[in-house]
């Protein structure tokens, strides 16, 4: 979960299967070990990463929402406010400019794998490699 937290397809069934447990036993064992359910843990990890990105990257809130693995801006904003007490926009206004410059969005997207190659470029490059 720590490695693949940004994968929007990461769910309880996939995590339980990877651990070799049924989903119900996995939830019980996970909560006993970590003090929170797998869903709560995953949401907290995603919000923690979003906080870092809001402080350091020149990306929109929507782009950050997608990069950390939330399916919708509404669920991201609700979870973010519940964890931090601020909306993502309020958090950014409060924390930007406190000693660090914002990383341009194009570099942040490149680092996180947010850029997807265009189909024509992929086909052209695969043809050249032959």
Protein backbone atom coordinates (compact mmCIF):
# COMPACT_ATOMS: atom_id res chain seq x y z
CA UNK A 1 0.00 0.00 0.00
CA UNK A 2 2.88 2.35 0.72
CA UNK A 3 4.47 1.72 -2.65
CA UNK A 4 1.30 1.80 -4.76
CA UNK A 5 -0.77 4.35 -2.82
CA UNK A 6 -1.29 6.50 -5.94
CA UNK A 7 -2.78 3.65 -7.97
CA UNK A 8 -6.52 4.41 -8.20
CA UNK A 9 -7.20 0.72 -8.76
CA UNK A 10 -5.65 -0.26 -5.41
CA UNK A 11 -8.53 -1.59 -3.37
CA UNK A 12 -9.26 -3.82 -0.41
CA UNK A 13 -9.59 -6.99 -2.47
CA UNK A 14 -6.24 -6.46 -4.20
CA UNK A 15 -4.47 -5.67 -0.92
CA UNK A 16 -5.99 -8.66 0.85
CA UNK A 17 -5.08 -10.98 -2.03
CA UNK A 18 -1.49 -9.70 -2.04
CA UNK A 19 -1.29 -10.43 1.71
CA UNK A 20 -2.84 -13.87 1.24
CA UNK A 21 -5.91 -13.17 3.41
CA UNK A 22 -9.63 -12.95 2.88
CA UNK A 23 -10.79 -9.34 2.83
CA UNK A 24 -12.44 -9.63 6.26
CA UNK A 25 -9.45 -11.24 7.97
CA UNK A 26 -7.17 -8.70 6.29
CA UNK A 27 -9.18 -5.77 7.69
CA UNK A 28 -9.10 -7.26 11.21
CA UNK A 29 -5.38 -8.04 11.08
CA UNK A 30 -4.51 -4.68 9.54
CA UNK A 31 -6.50 -2.73 12.14
CA UNK A 32 -4.91 -4.71 14.95
CA UNK A 33 -1.42 -3.95 13.59
CA UNK A 34 -1.86 -0.32 12.50
CA UNK A 35 -4.79 0.98 14.56
CA UNK A 36 -6.82 1.96 11.50
CA UNK A 37 -8.54 0.22 8.61
CA UNK A 38 -6.72 -0.24 5.29
CA UNK A 39 -8.99 2.37 3.70
CA UNK A 40 -8.22 4.93 6.40
CA UNK A 41 -4.50 4.20 6.12
CA UNK A 42 -4.51 4.53 2.33
CA UNK A 43 -6.47 7.78 2.47
CA UNK A 44 -4.05 9.19 5.08
CA UNK A 45 -1.02 8.26 2.93
CA UNK A 46 -2.59 9.91 -0.12
CA UNK A 47 -3.39 13.08 1.84
CA UNK A 48 0.16 13.17 3.27
CA UNK A 49 1.59 13.06 -0.25
CA UNK A 50 -0.91 15.67 -1.44
CA UNK A 51 0.22 17.97 1.37
CA UNK A 52 3.82 17.67 0.15
CA UNK A 53 2.78 18.40 -3.42
CA UNK A 54 0.60 21.37 -2.46
CA UNK A 55 3.55 22.90 -0.60
CA UNK A 56 6.14 22.25 -3.28
CA UNK A 57 4.61 21.82 -6.75
CA UNK A 58 3.05 24.30 -9.10
CA UNK A 59 0.21 21.92 -10.04
CA UNK A 60 -3.52 22.49 -9.76
CA UNK A 61 -5.46 20.86 -6.94
CA UNK A 62 -7.20 18.68 -9.53
CA UNK A 63 -3.88 17.44 -10.94
CA UNK A 64 -2.62 16.64 -7.45
CA UNK A 65 -5.89 14.87 -6.63
CA UNK A 66 -5.39 12.58 -9.61
CA UNK A 67 -1.67 12.01 -9.03
CA UNK A 68 -2.18 10.81 -5.45
CA UNK A 69 -4.89 8.35 -6.47
CA UNK A 70 -8.26 9.93 -5.67
CA UNK A 71 -11.02 9.27 -8.18
CA UNK A 72 -12.86 12.56 -7.67
CA UNK A 73 -12.04 16.07 -6.56
CA UNK A 74 -15.00 16.05 -4.16
CA UNK A 75 -13.85 12.96 -2.26
CA UNK A 76 -10.29 14.31 -2.21
CA UNK A 77 -11.36 17.69 -0.83
CA UNK A 78 -13.59 16.10 1.81
CA UNK A 79 -10.88 13.69 2.98
CA UNK A 80 -8.25 16.43 2.90
CA UNK A 81 -10.32 18.78 5.05
CA UNK A 82 -11.19 16.00 7.48
CA UNK A 83 -7.49 15.17 7.99
CA UNK A 84 -5.98 18.67 7.96
CA UNK A 85 -8.84 20.98 8.95
CA UNK A 86 -8.35 23.00 5.74
CA UNK A 87 -9.39 22.67 2.13
CA UNK A 88 -6.53 21.97 -0.30
CA UNK A 89 -6.65 25.59 -1.51
CA UNK A 90 -6.53 26.97 2.04
CA UNK A 91 -3.67 24.60 2.87
CA UNK A 92 -1.67 25.78 -0.14
CA UNK A 93 -2.24 29.47 0.66
CA UNK A 94 -1.15 28.88 4.25
CA UNK A 95 2.02 26.92 3.46
CA UNK A 96 3.40 28.17 0.13
CA UNK A 97 6.23 30.65 0.40
CA UNK A 98 7.48 29.40 3.77
CA UNK A 99 11.08 29.03 2.61
CA UNK A 100 10.72 26.79 -0.45
CA UNK A 101 10.15 27.61 -4.10
CA UNK A 102 7.46 25.81 -6.05
CA UNK A 103 8.63 23.16 -8.49
CA UNK A 104 7.22 23.84 -11.96
CA UNK A 105 4.32 21.54 -12.74
CA UNK A 106 5.99 20.07 -15.83
CA UNK A 107 8.91 18.78 -13.71
CA UNK A 108 6.56 17.43 -11.05
CA UNK A 109 4.49 15.60 -13.68
CA UNK A 110 7.62 14.18 -15.29
CA UNK A 111 8.89 12.93 -11.92
CA UNK A 112 5.56 11.31 -10.96
CA UNK A 113 5.02 9.73 -14.37
CA UNK A 114 2.07 12.00 -15.11
CA UNK A 115 3.05 12.50 -18.74
CA UNK A 116 1.76 9.82 -21.09
CA UNK A 117 3.40 9.49 -24.52
CA UNK A 118 1.23 10.27 -27.48
CA UNK A 119 0.24 7.23 -29.55
CA UNK A 120 1.92 8.55 -32.70
CA UNK A 121 5.25 8.97 -30.87
CA UNK A 122 5.04 5.51 -29.36
CA UNK A 123 4.29 3.91 -32.74
CA UNK A 124 7.04 5.88 -34.44
CA UNK A 125 9.61 4.95 -31.78
CA UNK A 126 8.64 1.27 -31.84
CA UNK A 127 9.08 1.29 -35.63
CA UNK A 128 12.53 2.84 -35.35
CA UNK A 129 13.64 0.26 -32.79
CA UNK A 130 13.04 -2.62 -35.21
